[in-house]
N, C-alpha and C. Protein backbone atom coordinates (compact mmCIF):
# COMPACT_ATOMS: atom_id res chain seq x y z
N UNK A 1 12.86 37.12 -26.58
CA UNK A 1 11.54 37.63 -26.90
C UNK A 1 10.51 36.92 -26.04
N UNK A 2 9.59 37.69 -25.57
CA UNK A 2 8.56 37.15 -24.71
C UNK A 2 7.28 36.87 -25.51
N UNK A 3 6.59 35.81 -25.12
CA UNK A 3 5.33 35.50 -25.79
C UNK A 3 4.18 36.21 -25.08
N UNK A 4 3.10 36.41 -25.85
CA UNK A 4 1.88 36.97 -25.26
C UNK A 4 0.71 36.11 -25.69
N UNK A 5 -0.25 35.95 -24.79
CA UNK A 5 -1.43 35.16 -25.08
C UNK A 5 -2.28 35.90 -26.11
N UNK A 6 -2.65 35.21 -27.18
CA UNK A 6 -3.34 35.84 -28.30
C UNK A 6 -4.51 34.99 -28.76
N UNK A 7 -5.60 35.65 -29.16
CA UNK A 7 -6.77 34.97 -29.72
C UNK A 7 -6.36 34.33 -31.05
N UNK A 8 -6.63 33.04 -31.21
CA UNK A 8 -6.24 32.33 -32.42
C UNK A 8 -6.88 32.91 -33.68
N UNK A 9 -8.04 33.51 -33.55
CA UNK A 9 -8.73 34.08 -34.72
C UNK A 9 -8.01 35.31 -35.28
N UNK A 10 -7.08 35.87 -34.49
CA UNK A 10 -6.30 37.02 -34.95
C UNK A 10 -5.11 36.61 -35.82
N UNK A 11 -4.77 35.32 -35.79
CA UNK A 11 -3.58 34.82 -36.48
C UNK A 11 -3.99 34.23 -37.83
N UNK A 12 -3.23 34.59 -38.84
CA UNK A 12 -3.50 34.09 -40.20
C UNK A 12 -2.47 33.04 -40.58
N UNK A 13 -2.93 31.99 -41.25
CA UNK A 13 -2.01 31.01 -41.82
C UNK A 13 -1.17 31.67 -42.89
N UNK A 14 0.00 31.15 -43.10
CA UNK A 14 0.88 31.65 -44.13
C UNK A 14 0.72 30.81 -45.39
N UNK A 15 0.19 31.38 -46.48
CA UNK A 15 -0.01 30.60 -47.69
C UNK A 15 1.31 30.17 -48.34
N UNK A 16 2.42 30.76 -47.92
CA UNK A 16 3.73 30.40 -48.48
C UNK A 16 4.46 29.39 -47.60
N UNK A 17 3.78 28.83 -46.61
CA UNK A 17 4.40 27.82 -45.76
C UNK A 17 4.68 26.58 -46.60
N UNK A 18 5.95 26.15 -46.69
CA UNK A 18 6.30 25.03 -47.56
C UNK A 18 6.11 23.65 -46.94
N UNK A 19 5.56 23.60 -45.76
CA UNK A 19 5.42 22.32 -45.07
C UNK A 19 3.97 22.11 -44.65
N UNK A 20 3.53 20.88 -44.67
CA UNK A 20 2.17 20.56 -44.27
C UNK A 20 2.13 19.17 -43.63
N UNK A 21 1.07 18.93 -42.91
CA UNK A 21 0.82 17.62 -42.30
C UNK A 21 -0.59 17.24 -42.72
N UNK A 22 -0.75 16.02 -43.16
CA UNK A 22 -2.06 15.58 -43.62
C UNK A 22 -2.57 14.38 -42.83
N UNK A 23 -3.87 14.21 -42.94
CA UNK A 23 -4.57 13.01 -42.50
C UNK A 23 -4.17 12.51 -41.12
N UNK A 24 -3.64 11.29 -41.06
CA UNK A 24 -3.36 10.65 -39.78
C UNK A 24 -2.32 11.44 -38.96
N UNK A 25 -1.31 11.96 -39.61
CA UNK A 25 -0.28 12.71 -38.89
C UNK A 25 -0.87 14.01 -38.33
N UNK A 26 -1.79 14.62 -39.06
CA UNK A 26 -2.44 15.83 -38.55
C UNK A 26 -3.30 15.47 -37.34
N UNK A 27 -4.03 14.38 -37.42
CA UNK A 27 -4.86 13.95 -36.30
C UNK A 27 -3.99 13.63 -35.08
N UNK A 28 -2.79 13.09 -35.30
CA UNK A 28 -1.87 12.83 -34.20
C UNK A 28 -1.41 14.14 -33.56
N UNK A 29 -1.20 15.16 -34.37
CA UNK A 29 -0.82 16.47 -33.83
C UNK A 29 -1.95 17.06 -32.98
N UNK A 30 -3.18 16.96 -33.46
CA UNK A 30 -4.33 17.44 -32.69
C UNK A 30 -4.40 16.70 -31.36
N UNK A 31 -4.26 15.38 -31.40
CA UNK A 31 -4.31 14.57 -30.17
C UNK A 31 -3.16 14.97 -29.24
N UNK A 32 -2.00 15.17 -29.80
CA UNK A 32 -0.84 15.55 -29.00
C UNK A 32 -1.09 16.86 -28.25
N UNK A 33 -1.68 17.83 -28.92
CA UNK A 33 -1.98 19.11 -28.28
C UNK A 33 -3.06 18.97 -27.22
N UNK A 34 -4.03 18.09 -27.45
CA UNK A 34 -5.07 17.85 -26.45
C UNK A 34 -4.51 17.14 -25.23
N UNK A 35 -3.63 16.16 -25.45
CA UNK A 35 -3.07 15.36 -24.37
C UNK A 35 -1.99 16.10 -23.59
N UNK A 36 -1.29 17.02 -24.24
CA UNK A 36 -0.13 17.68 -23.63
C UNK A 36 -0.14 19.17 -23.99
N UNK A 37 -1.17 19.90 -23.53
CA UNK A 37 -1.32 21.31 -23.91
C UNK A 37 -0.17 22.20 -23.42
N UNK A 38 0.53 21.75 -22.38
CA UNK A 38 1.66 22.54 -21.87
C UNK A 38 2.77 22.69 -22.91
N UNK A 39 2.79 21.79 -23.86
CA UNK A 39 3.82 21.81 -24.91
C UNK A 39 3.84 23.16 -25.64
N UNK A 40 2.68 23.74 -25.88
CA UNK A 40 2.61 25.00 -26.63
C UNK A 40 3.18 26.17 -25.84
N UNK A 41 3.23 26.04 -24.51
CA UNK A 41 3.81 27.11 -23.69
C UNK A 41 5.30 27.29 -23.98
N UNK A 42 5.98 26.22 -24.30
CA UNK A 42 7.41 26.31 -24.57
C UNK A 42 7.74 26.40 -26.05
N UNK A 43 6.72 26.26 -26.90
CA UNK A 43 6.90 26.42 -28.34
C UNK A 43 5.79 27.30 -28.90
N UNK A 44 5.83 28.58 -28.56
CA UNK A 44 4.76 29.48 -29.04
C UNK A 44 4.81 29.64 -30.56
N UNK A 45 3.71 30.11 -31.11
CA UNK A 45 3.68 30.44 -32.54
C UNK A 45 4.51 31.68 -32.77
N UNK A 46 5.13 31.78 -33.93
CA UNK A 46 5.91 32.96 -34.31
C UNK A 46 5.13 33.64 -35.43
N UNK A 47 4.82 34.93 -35.24
CA UNK A 47 4.05 35.68 -36.23
C UNK A 47 4.78 36.98 -36.58
N UNK A 48 4.45 37.51 -37.76
CA UNK A 48 5.01 38.80 -38.14
C UNK A 48 4.09 39.93 -37.67
N UNK A 49 4.38 41.14 -38.08
CA UNK A 49 3.61 42.30 -37.64
C UNK A 49 2.17 42.29 -38.17
N UNK A 50 1.92 41.51 -39.23
CA UNK A 50 0.56 41.39 -39.78
C UNK A 50 -0.20 40.21 -39.18
N UNK A 51 0.39 39.61 -38.13
CA UNK A 51 -0.19 38.45 -37.44
C UNK A 51 -0.29 37.23 -38.35
N UNK A 52 0.61 37.12 -39.29
CA UNK A 52 0.67 35.95 -40.17
C UNK A 52 1.71 34.99 -39.60
N UNK A 53 1.33 33.72 -39.47
CA UNK A 53 2.22 32.72 -38.87
C UNK A 53 3.46 32.51 -39.73
N UNK A 54 4.60 32.60 -39.08
CA UNK A 54 5.87 32.27 -39.72
C UNK A 54 6.35 30.90 -39.24
N UNK A 55 6.07 30.59 -38.00
CA UNK A 55 6.42 29.31 -37.41
C UNK A 55 5.24 28.77 -36.63
N UNK A 56 4.82 27.57 -36.97
CA UNK A 56 3.71 26.95 -36.24
C UNK A 56 2.41 26.91 -37.02
N UNK A 57 2.46 26.97 -38.34
CA UNK A 57 1.24 26.92 -39.14
C UNK A 57 0.41 25.67 -38.88
N UNK A 58 1.07 24.52 -38.80
CA UNK A 58 0.33 23.27 -38.57
C UNK A 58 -0.18 23.20 -37.14
N UNK A 59 0.59 23.74 -36.18
CA UNK A 59 0.09 23.79 -34.80
C UNK A 59 -1.11 24.70 -34.71
N UNK A 60 -1.08 25.81 -35.43
CA UNK A 60 -2.23 26.73 -35.45
C UNK A 60 -3.47 26.00 -35.97
N UNK A 61 -3.32 25.32 -37.07
CA UNK A 61 -4.44 24.57 -37.66
C UNK A 61 -4.93 23.50 -36.68
N UNK A 62 -4.00 22.81 -36.03
CA UNK A 62 -4.37 21.75 -35.08
C UNK A 62 -5.06 22.32 -33.84
N UNK A 63 -4.59 23.46 -33.36
CA UNK A 63 -5.23 24.08 -32.18
C UNK A 63 -6.66 24.49 -32.51
N UNK A 64 -6.86 25.04 -33.69
CA UNK A 64 -8.23 25.41 -34.09
C UNK A 64 -9.11 24.17 -34.17
N UNK A 65 -8.58 23.10 -34.73
CA UNK A 65 -9.31 21.83 -34.84
C UNK A 65 -9.65 21.29 -33.44
N UNK A 66 -8.73 21.50 -32.49
CA UNK A 66 -8.93 20.99 -31.13
C UNK A 66 -9.85 21.89 -30.30
N UNK A 67 -10.27 23.01 -30.88
CA UNK A 67 -11.18 23.90 -30.17
C UNK A 67 -10.52 24.95 -29.30
N UNK A 68 -9.22 25.12 -29.43
CA UNK A 68 -8.54 26.15 -28.65
C UNK A 68 -8.97 27.53 -29.14
N UNK A 69 -8.94 28.50 -28.26
CA UNK A 69 -9.30 29.88 -28.65
C UNK A 69 -8.12 30.84 -28.54
N UNK A 70 -7.09 30.45 -27.78
CA UNK A 70 -5.93 31.32 -27.65
C UNK A 70 -4.67 30.50 -27.41
N UNK A 71 -3.53 31.14 -27.67
CA UNK A 71 -2.25 30.48 -27.45
C UNK A 71 -1.16 31.54 -27.33
N UNK A 72 0.01 31.16 -26.81
CA UNK A 72 1.12 32.10 -26.74
C UNK A 72 1.70 32.36 -28.13
N UNK A 73 2.07 33.61 -28.36
CA UNK A 73 2.60 34.04 -29.65
C UNK A 73 3.79 34.96 -29.40
N UNK A 74 4.80 34.80 -30.24
CA UNK A 74 5.92 35.74 -30.26
C UNK A 74 5.80 36.49 -31.58
N UNK A 75 5.70 37.82 -31.49
CA UNK A 75 5.57 38.65 -32.69
C UNK A 75 6.92 39.26 -33.01
N UNK A 76 7.35 39.09 -34.26
CA UNK A 76 8.66 39.60 -34.69
C UNK A 76 8.49 40.70 -35.73
N UNK A 77 9.48 41.55 -35.81
CA UNK A 77 9.49 42.64 -36.79
C UNK A 77 10.73 42.45 -37.65
N UNK A 78 10.63 41.52 -38.59
CA UNK A 78 11.76 41.16 -39.45
C UNK A 78 11.49 41.57 -40.88
N UNK A 79 12.57 41.74 -41.64
CA UNK A 79 12.45 42.02 -43.07
C UNK A 79 11.81 40.82 -43.77
N UNK A 80 11.30 41.04 -44.94
CA UNK A 80 10.68 39.97 -45.73
C UNK A 80 11.70 38.84 -45.96
N UNK A 81 12.92 39.20 -46.24
CA UNK A 81 13.98 38.21 -46.48
C UNK A 81 14.22 37.36 -45.23
N UNK A 82 14.31 37.99 -44.09
CA UNK A 82 14.55 37.26 -42.84
C UNK A 82 13.35 36.37 -42.50
N UNK A 83 12.14 36.82 -42.80
CA UNK A 83 10.95 36.00 -42.56
C UNK A 83 11.00 34.73 -43.41
N UNK A 84 11.35 34.88 -44.68
CA UNK A 84 11.43 33.72 -45.57
C UNK A 84 12.52 32.76 -45.11
N UNK A 85 13.65 33.30 -44.68
CA UNK A 85 14.74 32.47 -44.17
C UNK A 85 14.28 31.69 -42.94
N UNK A 86 13.57 32.36 -42.03
CA UNK A 86 13.08 31.70 -40.82
C UNK A 86 12.12 30.57 -41.16
N UNK A 87 11.21 30.81 -42.09
CA UNK A 87 10.22 29.79 -42.47
C UNK A 87 10.92 28.50 -42.90
N UNK A 88 11.95 28.62 -43.70
CA UNK A 88 12.66 27.43 -44.16
C UNK A 88 13.46 26.80 -43.02
N UNK A 89 14.22 27.62 -42.31
CA UNK A 89 15.06 27.07 -41.24
C UNK A 89 14.23 26.46 -40.11
N UNK A 90 13.07 27.01 -39.83
CA UNK A 90 12.20 26.49 -38.78
C UNK A 90 11.63 25.13 -39.16
N UNK A 91 11.56 24.83 -40.43
CA UNK A 91 10.97 23.58 -40.90
C UNK A 91 12.00 22.52 -41.30
N UNK A 92 13.28 22.81 -41.11
CA UNK A 92 14.32 21.86 -41.45
C UNK A 92 14.63 21.03 -40.22
N UNK A 93 14.61 19.74 -40.38
CA UNK A 93 14.97 18.86 -39.27
C UNK A 93 16.44 18.51 -39.35
N UNK A 94 17.19 18.87 -38.33
CA UNK A 94 18.61 18.54 -38.28
C UNK A 94 18.81 17.32 -37.39
N UNK A 95 19.93 16.70 -37.51
CA UNK A 95 20.27 15.57 -36.66
C UNK A 95 19.65 14.28 -37.14
N UNK A 96 19.98 13.22 -36.43
CA UNK A 96 19.46 11.90 -36.77
C UNK A 96 19.01 11.22 -35.48
N UNK A 97 18.10 10.30 -35.60
CA UNK A 97 17.65 9.53 -34.45
C UNK A 97 18.71 8.49 -34.09
N UNK A 98 18.89 8.25 -32.80
CA UNK A 98 19.73 7.17 -32.31
C UNK A 98 18.79 5.98 -32.14
N UNK A 99 18.65 5.18 -33.19
CA UNK A 99 17.67 4.10 -33.20
C UNK A 99 17.95 3.05 -32.14
N UNK A 100 19.22 2.81 -31.84
CA UNK A 100 19.57 1.84 -30.80
C UNK A 100 19.06 2.31 -29.44
N UNK A 101 19.25 3.58 -29.12
CA UNK A 101 18.77 4.13 -27.86
C UNK A 101 17.25 4.09 -27.80
N UNK A 102 16.61 4.46 -28.89
CA UNK A 102 15.15 4.44 -28.92
C UNK A 102 14.63 3.02 -28.70
N UNK A 103 15.24 2.05 -29.35
CA UNK A 103 14.80 0.66 -29.23
C UNK A 103 14.99 0.11 -27.82
N UNK A 104 16.05 0.55 -27.15
CA UNK A 104 16.39 -0.03 -25.86
C UNK A 104 15.96 0.77 -24.64
N UNK A 105 15.71 2.06 -24.80
CA UNK A 105 15.44 2.89 -23.63
C UNK A 105 14.09 3.61 -23.65
N UNK A 106 13.32 3.39 -24.69
CA UNK A 106 12.02 4.05 -24.80
C UNK A 106 10.93 3.01 -24.94
N UNK A 107 9.74 3.34 -24.46
CA UNK A 107 8.59 2.45 -24.53
C UNK A 107 7.96 2.54 -25.92
N UNK A 108 7.90 1.40 -26.61
CA UNK A 108 7.40 1.39 -27.98
C UNK A 108 5.95 1.84 -28.10
N UNK A 109 5.11 1.43 -27.16
CA UNK A 109 3.70 1.83 -27.20
C UNK A 109 3.56 3.35 -27.06
N UNK A 110 4.33 3.93 -26.13
CA UNK A 110 4.28 5.38 -25.95
C UNK A 110 4.76 6.10 -27.21
N UNK A 111 5.84 5.61 -27.79
CA UNK A 111 6.35 6.24 -29.02
C UNK A 111 5.32 6.18 -30.14
N UNK A 112 4.63 5.05 -30.28
CA UNK A 112 3.60 4.93 -31.29
C UNK A 112 2.47 5.92 -31.04
N UNK A 113 2.09 6.06 -29.78
CA UNK A 113 1.00 6.98 -29.41
C UNK A 113 1.40 8.43 -29.66
N UNK A 114 2.66 8.78 -29.34
CA UNK A 114 3.13 10.14 -29.50
C UNK A 114 3.31 10.48 -30.95
């Protein structure tokens, strides 16, 4: 599926999104998008036919906070059941961190900033 550049005001938050970011972590997301805007090119928002966000609700909120006016969006035409399944699966973190590798091969200051 290909993304298309879309006005952020056309996209609606999903009130059934089960995940949120608050306070300091939200501010870090805003900063991350400001510092590395190319990131959104490879992780576009996912919306349904009603332009309601299925994936990327917190990024949408952060982009609006950062003053963005548009972003890439992938629009899907899925059943209600498939949309709900995607919302949960998109927000599940799989895998574990390799803490030894992080401690020995990554810069601690950069990790804190990111």
